[in-house]
């Protein structure tokens, strides 16, 4: 999973979430997660868990790792 922050010209903050499958050599863009105000690491994890559950993906069972560029 790759998570990348995006801030609009109006100052709205989103995280783009992409899932990569190394076995199938595929990637899926799952969309954006909107955040409001300050987003702690724990808040982000909870938001991502809810977002991924729409696709039937759990962090504990389906993900091997995740990365962010740390630019926030």
PDB file of N, CA and C in Angstrom:
ATOM      1  N   UNK A   1       0.847  -1.163   0.000  1.00  0.00           N
ATOM      2  CA  UNK A   1       0.000   0.000   0.000  1.00  0.00           C
ATOM      3  C   UNK A   1       0.895   1.228   0.000  1.00  0.00           C
ATOM      4  N   UNK A   2       0.565   2.158  -0.864  1.00  0.00           N
ATOM      5  CA  UNK A   2       1.250   3.447  -0.896  1.00  0.00           C
ATOM      6  C   UNK A   2       0.223   4.526  -0.593  1.00  0.00           C
ATOM      7  N   UNK A   3       0.568   5.403   0.339  1.00  0.00           N
ATOM      8  CA  UNK A   3      -0.305   6.503   0.729  1.00  0.00           C
ATOM      9  C   UNK A   3       0.431   7.801   0.426  1.00  0.00           C
ATOM     10  N   UNK A   4      -0.239   8.715  -0.260  1.00  0.00           N
ATOM     11  CA  UNK A   4       0.387   9.988  -0.601  1.00  0.00           C
ATOM     12  C   UNK A   4      -0.577  11.126  -0.295  1.00  0.00           C
ATOM     13  N   UNK A   5      -0.078  12.138   0.382  1.00  0.00           N
ATOM     14  CA  UNK A   5      -0.913  13.279   0.748  1.00  0.00           C
ATOM     15  C   UNK A   5      -1.128  14.201  -0.446  1.00  0.00           C
ATOM     16  N   UNK A   6      -2.326  14.752  -0.512  1.00  0.00           N
ATOM     17  CA  UNK A   6      -2.669  15.726  -1.548  1.00  0.00           C
ATOM     18  C   UNK A   6      -3.449  16.855  -0.885  1.00  0.00           C
ATOM     19  N   UNK A   7      -3.024  18.096  -1.134  1.00  0.00           N
ATOM     20  CA  UNK A   7      -3.736  19.259  -0.611  1.00  0.00           C
ATOM     21  C   UNK A   7      -4.201  20.094  -1.792  1.00  0.00           C
ATOM     22  N   UNK A   8      -5.499  20.386  -1.835  1.00  0.00           N
ATOM     23  CA  UNK A   8      -6.063  21.151  -2.944  1.00  0.00           C
ATOM     24  C   UNK A   8      -5.699  22.628  -2.804  1.00  0.00           C
ATOM     25  N   UNK A   9      -5.957  23.400  -3.855  1.00  0.00           N
ATOM     26  CA  UNK A   9      -5.688  24.836  -3.799  1.00  0.00           C
ATOM     27  C   UNK A   9      -6.576  25.527  -2.762  1.00  0.00           C
ATOM     28  N   UNK A  10      -7.674  24.896  -2.384  1.00  0.00           N
ATOM     29  CA  UNK A  10      -8.549  25.429  -1.327  1.00  0.00           C
ATOM     30  C   UNK A  10      -8.132  24.964   0.063  1.00  0.00           C
ATOM     31  N   UNK A  11      -7.048  24.200   0.141  1.00  0.00           N
ATOM     32  CA  UNK A  11      -6.527  23.757   1.425  1.00  0.00           C
ATOM     33  C   UNK A  11      -7.144  22.491   1.972  1.00  0.00           C
ATOM     34  N   UNK A  12      -7.922  21.781   1.170  1.00  0.00           N
ATOM     35  CA  UNK A  12      -8.504  20.510   1.621  1.00  0.00           C
ATOM     36  C   UNK A  12      -7.446  19.418   1.530  1.00  0.00           C
ATOM     37  N   UNK A  13      -7.378  18.608   2.568  1.00  0.00           N
ATOM     38  CA  UNK A  13      -6.335  17.585   2.653  1.00  0.00           C
ATOM     39  C   UNK A  13      -6.918  16.199   2.412  1.00  0.00           C
ATOM     40  N   UNK A  14      -6.230  15.434   1.568  1.00  0.00           N
ATOM     41  CA  UNK A  14      -6.627  14.067   1.234  1.00  0.00           C
ATOM     42  C   UNK A  14      -5.402  13.162   1.272  1.00  0.00           C
ATOM     43  N   UNK A  15      -5.652  11.875   1.442  1.00  0.00           N
ATOM     44  CA  UNK A  15      -4.627  10.862   1.258  1.00  0.00           C
ATOM     45  C   UNK A  15      -5.068   9.964   0.111  1.00  0.00           C
ATOM     46  N   UNK A  16      -4.236   9.853  -0.917  1.00  0.00           N
ATOM     47  CA  UNK A  16      -4.488   8.926  -2.011  1.00  0.00           C
ATOM     48  C   UNK A  16      -3.956   7.562  -1.616  1.00  0.00           C
ATOM     49  N   UNK A  17      -4.738   6.523  -1.870  1.00  0.00           N
ATOM     50  CA  UNK A  17      -4.363   5.174  -1.434  1.00  0.00           C
ATOM     51  C   UNK A  17      -4.307   4.245  -2.639  1.00  0.00           C
ATOM     52  N   UNK A  18      -3.136   3.637  -2.857  1.00  0.00           N
ATOM     53  CA  UNK A  18      -2.944   2.673  -3.939  1.00  0.00           C
ATOM     54  C   UNK A  18      -2.482   1.347  -3.347  1.00  0.00           C
ATOM     55  N   UNK A  19      -3.024   0.259  -3.876  1.00  0.00           N
ATOM     56  CA  UNK A  19      -2.650  -1.089  -3.445  1.00  0.00           C
ATOM     57  C   UNK A  19      -1.894  -1.757  -4.586  1.00  0.00           C
ATOM     58  N   UNK A  20      -0.752  -2.361  -4.265  1.00  0.00           N
ATOM     59  CA  UNK A  20       0.062  -3.043  -5.273  1.00  0.00           C
ATOM     60  C   UNK A  20       0.165  -4.524  -4.924  1.00  0.00           C
ATOM     61  N   UNK A  21      -0.040  -5.381  -5.914  1.00  0.00           N
ATOM     62  CA  UNK A  21       0.067  -6.829  -5.743  1.00  0.00           C
ATOM     63  C   UNK A  21       1.294  -7.300  -6.497  1.00  0.00           C
ATOM     64  N   UNK A  22       2.330  -7.697  -5.767  1.00  0.00           N
ATOM     65  CA  UNK A  22       3.577  -8.104  -6.421  1.00  0.00           C
ATOM     66  C   UNK A  22       3.425  -9.431  -7.158  1.00  0.00           C
ATOM     67  N   UNK A  23       2.514 -10.287  -6.706  1.00  0.00           N
ATOM     68  CA  UNK A  23       2.307 -11.567  -7.373  1.00  0.00           C
ATOM     69  C   UNK A  23       1.689 -11.416  -8.747  1.00  0.00           C
ATOM     70  N   UNK A  24       0.673 -10.565  -8.835  1.00  0.00           N
ATOM     71  CA  UNK A  24      -0.019 -10.336 -10.105  1.00  0.00           C
ATOM     72  C   UNK A  24       0.568  -9.176 -10.892  1.00  0.00           C
ATOM     73  N   UNK A  25       1.519  -8.449 -10.278  1.00  0.00           N
ATOM     74  CA  UNK A  25       2.112  -7.259 -10.910  1.00  0.00           C
ATOM     75  C   UNK A  25       1.035  -6.242 -11.278  1.00  0.00           C
ATOM     76  N   UNK A  26       0.061  -6.057 -10.385  1.00  0.00           N
ATOM     77  CA  UNK A  26      -1.029  -5.116 -10.636  1.00  0.00           C
ATOM     78  C   UNK A  26      -1.080  -4.067  -9.532  1.00  0.00           C
ATOM     79  N   UNK A  27      -1.749  -2.976  -9.822  1.00  0.00           N
ATOM     80  CA  UNK A  27      -2.001  -1.965  -8.800  1.00  0.00           C
ATOM     81  C   UNK A  27      -3.434  -1.475  -8.939  1.00  0.00           C
ATOM     82  N   UNK A  28      -4.007  -1.109  -7.807  1.00  0.00           N
ATOM     83  CA  UNK A  28      -5.385  -0.630  -7.770  1.00  0.00           C
ATOM     84  C   UNK A  28      -5.395   0.711  -7.051  1.00  0.00           C
ATOM     85  N   UNK A  29      -5.949   1.712  -7.701  1.00  0.00           N
ATOM     86  CA  UNK A  29      -6.127   3.018  -7.072  1.00  0.00           C
ATOM     87  C   UNK A  29      -7.468   2.984  -6.353  1.00  0.00           C
ATOM     88  N   UNK A  30      -7.424   2.986  -5.026  1.00  0.00           N
ATOM     89  CA  UNK A  30      -8.658   2.850  -4.260  1.00  0.00           C
ATOM     90  C   UNK A  30      -9.341   4.183  -3.991  1.00  0.00           C
ATOM     91  N   UNK A  31      -8.704   5.276  -4.340  1.00  0.00           N
ATOM     92  CA  UNK A  31      -9.325   6.585  -4.166  1.00  0.00           C
ATOM     93  C   UNK A  31      -8.668   7.398  -3.074  1.00  0.00           C
ATOM     94  N   UNK A  32      -9.400   8.422  -2.642  1.00  0.00           N
ATOM     95  CA  UNK A  32      -8.882   9.363  -1.658  1.00  0.00           C
ATOM     96  C   UNK A  32      -9.618   9.242  -0.338  1.00  0.00           C
ATOM     97  N   UNK A  33      -8.875   9.489   0.745  1.00  0.00           N
ATOM     98  CA  UNK A  33      -9.439   9.564   2.083  1.00  0.00           C
ATOM     99  C   UNK A  33      -9.324  11.020   2.516  1.00  0.00           C
ATOM    100  N   UNK A  34     -10.437  11.657   2.854  1.00  0.00           N
ATOM    101  CA  UNK A  34     -10.425  13.065   3.270  1.00  0.00           C
ATOM    102  C   UNK A  34     -10.052  13.147   4.734  1.00  0.00           C
ATOM    103  N   UNK A  35      -9.180  14.076   5.066  1.00  0.00           N
ATOM    104  CA  UNK A  35      -8.830  14.326   6.460  1.00  0.00           C
ATOM    105  C   UNK A  35      -9.176  15.768   6.798  1.00  0.00           C
ATOM    106  N   UNK A  36      -9.472  16.003   8.050  1.00  0.00           N
ATOM    107  CA  UNK A  36      -9.850  17.336   8.513  1.00  0.00           C
ATOM    108  C   UNK A  36      -8.930  17.747   9.650  1.00  0.00           C
ATOM    109  N   UNK A  37      -8.307  18.904   9.525  1.00  0.00           N
ATOM    110  CA  UNK A  37      -7.442  19.406  10.587  1.00  0.00           C
ATOM    111  C   UNK A  37      -6.221  18.529  10.782  1.00  0.00           C
ATOM    112  N   UNK A  38      -5.781  18.467  12.019  1.00  0.00           N
ATOM    113  CA  UNK A  38      -4.608  17.668  12.352  1.00  0.00           C
ATOM    114  C   UNK A  38      -4.962  16.186  12.307  1.00  0.00           C
ATOM    115  N   UNK A  39      -4.098  15.417  11.686  1.00  0.00           N
ATOM    116  CA  UNK A  39      -4.323  13.977  11.563  1.00  0.00           C
ATOM    117  C   UNK A  39      -3.143  13.251  12.199  1.00  0.00           C
ATOM    118  N   UNK A  40      -3.381  12.650  13.364  1.00  0.00           N
ATOM    119  CA  UNK A  40      -2.320  11.884  14.010  1.00  0.00           C
ATOM    120  C   UNK A  40      -2.139  10.553  13.285  1.00  0.00           C
ATOM    121  N   UNK A  41      -1.071   9.860  13.598  1.00  0.00           N
ATOM    122  CA  UNK A  41      -0.820   8.552  12.986  1.00  0.00           C
ATOM    123  C   UNK A  41      -1.953   7.578  13.307  1.00  0.00           C
ATOM    124  N   UNK A  42      -2.447   7.613  14.541  1.00  0.00           N
ATOM    125  CA  UNK A  42      -3.539   6.710  14.925  1.00  0.00           C
ATOM    126  C   UNK A  42      -4.825   7.048  14.186  1.00  0.00           C
ATOM    127  N   UNK A  43      -5.100   8.360  14.014  1.00  0.00           N
ATOM    128  CA  UNK A  43      -6.273   8.772  13.237  1.00  0.00           C
ATOM    129  C   UNK A  43      -6.161   8.290  11.796  1.00  0.00           C
ATOM    130  N   UNK A  44      -4.962   8.408  11.241  1.00  0.00           N
ATOM    131  CA  UNK A  44      -4.746   7.996   9.854  1.00  0.00           C
ATOM    132  C   UNK A  44      -4.953   6.493   9.691  1.00  0.00           C
ATOM    133  N   UNK A  45      -4.427   5.711  10.616  1.00  0.00           N
ATOM    134  CA  UNK A  45      -4.586   4.256  10.551  1.00  0.00           C
ATOM    135  C   UNK A  45      -6.062   3.886  10.600  1.00  0.00           C
ATOM    136  N   UNK A  46      -6.824   4.507  11.489  1.00  0.00           N
ATOM    137  CA  UNK A  46      -8.259   4.213  11.582  1.00  0.00           C
ATOM    138  C   UNK A  46      -8.991   4.596  10.300  1.00  0.00           C
ATOM    139  N   UNK A  47      -8.654   5.757   9.735  1.00  0.00           N
ATOM    140  CA  UNK A  47      -9.282   6.186   8.477  1.00  0.00           C
ATOM    141  C   UNK A  47      -8.955   5.220   7.352  1.00  0.00           C
ATOM    142  N   UNK A  48      -7.699   4.776   7.296  1.00  0.00           N
ATOM    143  CA  UNK A  48      -7.293   3.839   6.247  1.00  0.00           C
ATOM    144  C   UNK A  48      -7.968   2.482   6.425  1.00  0.00           C
ATOM    145  N   UNK A  49      -8.109   2.023   7.660  1.00  0.00           N
ATOM    146  CA  UNK A  49      -8.802   0.751   7.908  1.00  0.00           C
ATOM    147  C   UNK A  49     -10.236   0.814   7.400  1.00  0.00           C
ATOM    148  N   UNK A  50     -10.920   1.918   7.696  1.00  0.00           N
ATOM    149  CA  UNK A  50     -12.301   2.076   7.228  1.00  0.00           C
ATOM    150  C   UNK A  50     -12.357   2.125   5.706  1.00  0.00           C
ATOM    151  N   UNK A  51     -11.428   2.855   5.100  1.00  0.00           N
ATOM    152  CA  UNK A  51     -11.387   2.979   3.641  1.00  0.00           C
ATOM    153  C   UNK A  51     -11.140   1.617   2.986  1.00  0.00           C
ATOM    154  N   UNK A  52     -10.177   0.870   3.498  1.00  0.00           N
ATOM    155  CA  UNK A  52      -9.835  -0.430   2.914  1.00  0.00           C
ATOM    156  C   UNK A  52     -10.938  -1.464   3.117  1.00  0.00           C
ATOM    157  N   UNK A  53     -11.713  -1.327   4.192  1.00  0.00           N
ATOM    158  CA  UNK A  53     -12.779  -2.301   4.452  1.00  0.00           C
ATOM    159  C   UNK A  53     -13.828  -2.299   3.341  1.00  0.00           C
ATOM    160  N   UNK A  54     -13.989  -1.176   2.651  1.00  0.00           N
ATOM    161  CA  UNK A  54     -14.923  -1.094   1.517  1.00  0.00           C
ATOM    162  C   UNK A  54     -14.520  -2.082   0.420  1.00  0.00           C
ATOM    163  N   UNK A  55     -13.221  -2.357   0.315  1.00  0.00           N
ATOM    164  CA  UNK A  55     -12.690  -3.254  -0.709  1.00  0.00           C
ATOM    165  C   UNK A  55     -12.451  -4.663  -0.171  1.00  0.00           C
ATOM    166  N   UNK A  56     -12.848  -4.910   1.076  1.00  0.00           N
ATOM    167  CA  UNK A  56     -12.644  -6.224   1.677  1.00  0.00           C
ATOM    168  C   UNK A  56     -11.199  -6.477   2.067  1.00  0.00           C
ATOM    169  N   UNK A  57     -10.434  -5.406   2.283  1.00  0.00           N
ATOM    170  CA  UNK A  57      -9.014  -5.514   2.628  1.00  0.00           C
ATOM    171  C   UNK A  57      -8.834  -5.133   4.090  1.00  0.00           C
ATOM    172  N   UNK A  58      -8.076  -5.954   4.823  1.00  0.00           N
ATOM    173  CA  UNK A  58      -7.719  -5.608   6.196  1.00  0.00           C
ATOM    174  C   UNK A  58      -6.213  -5.456   6.291  1.00  0.00           C
ATOM    175  N   UNK A  59      -5.766  -4.544   7.129  1.00  0.00           N
ATOM    176  CA  UNK A  59      -4.326  -4.324   7.308  1.00  0.00           C
ATOM    177  C   UNK A  59      -3.660  -5.550   7.923  1.00  0.00           C
ATOM    178  N   UNK A  60      -4.355  -6.187   8.850  1.00  0.00           N
ATOM    179  CA  UNK A  60      -3.764  -7.323   9.563  1.00  0.00           C
ATOM    180  C   UNK A  60      -3.612  -8.554   8.672  1.00  0.00           C
ATOM    181  N   UNK A  61      -4.551  -8.795   7.784  1.00  0.00           N
ATOM    182  CA  UNK A  61      -4.550 -10.018   6.983  1.00  0.00           C
ATOM    183  C   UNK A  61      -3.944  -9.840   5.594  1.00  0.00           C
ATOM    184  N   UNK A  62      -4.178  -8.698   4.950  1.00  0.00           N
ATOM    185  CA  UNK A  62      -3.871  -8.564   3.528  1.00  0.00           C
ATOM    186  C   UNK A  62      -2.643  -7.726   3.185  1.00  0.00           C
ATOM    187  N   UNK A  63      -2.182  -6.891   4.088  1.00  0.00           N
ATOM    188  CA  UNK A  63      -1.080  -5.991   3.751  1.00  0.00           C
ATOM    189  C   UNK A  63       0.246  -6.481   4.309  1.00  0.00           C
ATOM    190  N   UNK A  64       1.273  -6.364   3.485  1.00  0.00           N
ATOM    191  CA  UNK A  64       2.622  -6.711   3.920  1.00  0.00           C
ATOM    192  C   UNK A  64       3.345  -5.468   4.419  1.00  0.00           C
ATOM    193  N   UNK A  65       3.107  -4.334   3.770  1.00  0.00           N
ATOM    194  CA  UNK A  65       3.765  -3.096   4.172  1.00  0.00           C
ATOM    195  C   UNK A  65       3.072  -1.894   3.577  1.00  0.00           C
ATOM    196  N   UNK A  66       3.450  -0.734   4.079  1.00  0.00           N
ATOM    197  CA  UNK A  66       2.923   0.511   3.521  1.00  0.00           C
ATOM    198  C   UNK A  66       4.016   1.561   3.585  1.00  0.00           C
ATOM    199  N   UNK A  67       3.879   2.585   2.744  1.00  0.00           N
ATOM    200  CA  UNK A  67       4.884   3.638   2.718  1.00  0.00           C
ATOM    201  C   UNK A  67       4.234   4.985   2.446  1.00  0.00           C
ATOM    202  N   UNK A  68       4.885   6.012   2.961  1.00  0.00           N
ATOM    203  CA  UNK A  68       4.522   7.412   2.702  1.00  0.00           C
ATOM    204  C   UNK A  68       5.818   8.156   2.463  1.00  0.00           C
ATOM    205  N   UNK A  69       5.724   9.284   1.758  1.00  0.00           N
ATOM    206  CA  UNK A  69       6.947  10.029   1.489  1.00  0.00           C
ATOM    207  C   UNK A  69       7.376  10.918   2.653  1.00  0.00           C
ATOM    208  N   UNK A  70       6.536  11.080   3.652  1.00  0.00           N
ATOM    209  CA  UNK A  70       6.909  11.849   4.832  1.00  0.00           C
ATOM    210  C   UNK A  70       6.967  13.344   4.607  1.00  0.00           C
ATOM    211  N   UNK A  71       6.343  13.824   3.555  1.00  0.00           N
ATOM    212  CA  UNK A  71       6.401  15.234   3.204  1.00  0.00           C
ATOM    213  C   UNK A  71       5.423  16.073   4.001  1.00  0.00           C
ATOM    214  N   UNK A  72       4.614  15.462   4.858  1.00  0.00           N
ATOM    215  CA  UNK A  72       3.582  16.211   5.576  1.00  0.00           C
ATOM    216  C   UNK A  72       4.115  16.887   6.802  1.00  0.00           C
TER     217      UNK A  72
END
